[in-house]
């Protein structure tokens, strides 16, 4: 697989996560730490699916645990602050990309039963190729959370 787009998406996300003064979501949504914890959970699950396929098992992908606030709080508590969360996202994204880079066409095409929720609504409940899960991170998931982080910027008087 080619992970150029995913690596680029993560570079943009990590730049956004490093912006000082990221505030709380005005719509009651996640703060920056929760977004980063969510990404850590999703990336670990995606890497586990890819490795499971290579190992010959038939894994499933279900993002509900990565939406669970208790789990997000647990992940956040395991880090000493946002810089450590950012470093962990950076290293875990690199691991995921390294795994994906090594997937051959046959492994990348294996269908994985997938359940995806977003904002408490079912988005997808059907098999997706491993490559589709990984490409979906680059095309949709990571850019969406990058924008979510950018939307958390606190307005500073005098700056636009």
Foldseek 3Di string as FASTA:
>chain_A
DDCPLVLVLLVLLLVLLPDPAQAQDPVNDHGSLLLLLLLLVLLVQLLVCLVCLVVPHQAAEESPCSVDPVSSVVSSVVDPDSVRSSVSSNVSSVVSNVSVVPDDPVSQQDWHQYWDDDPNHTDDGGTDGSVRSSVCCSPPVSNVSSVVSVSRHDDDPPDD
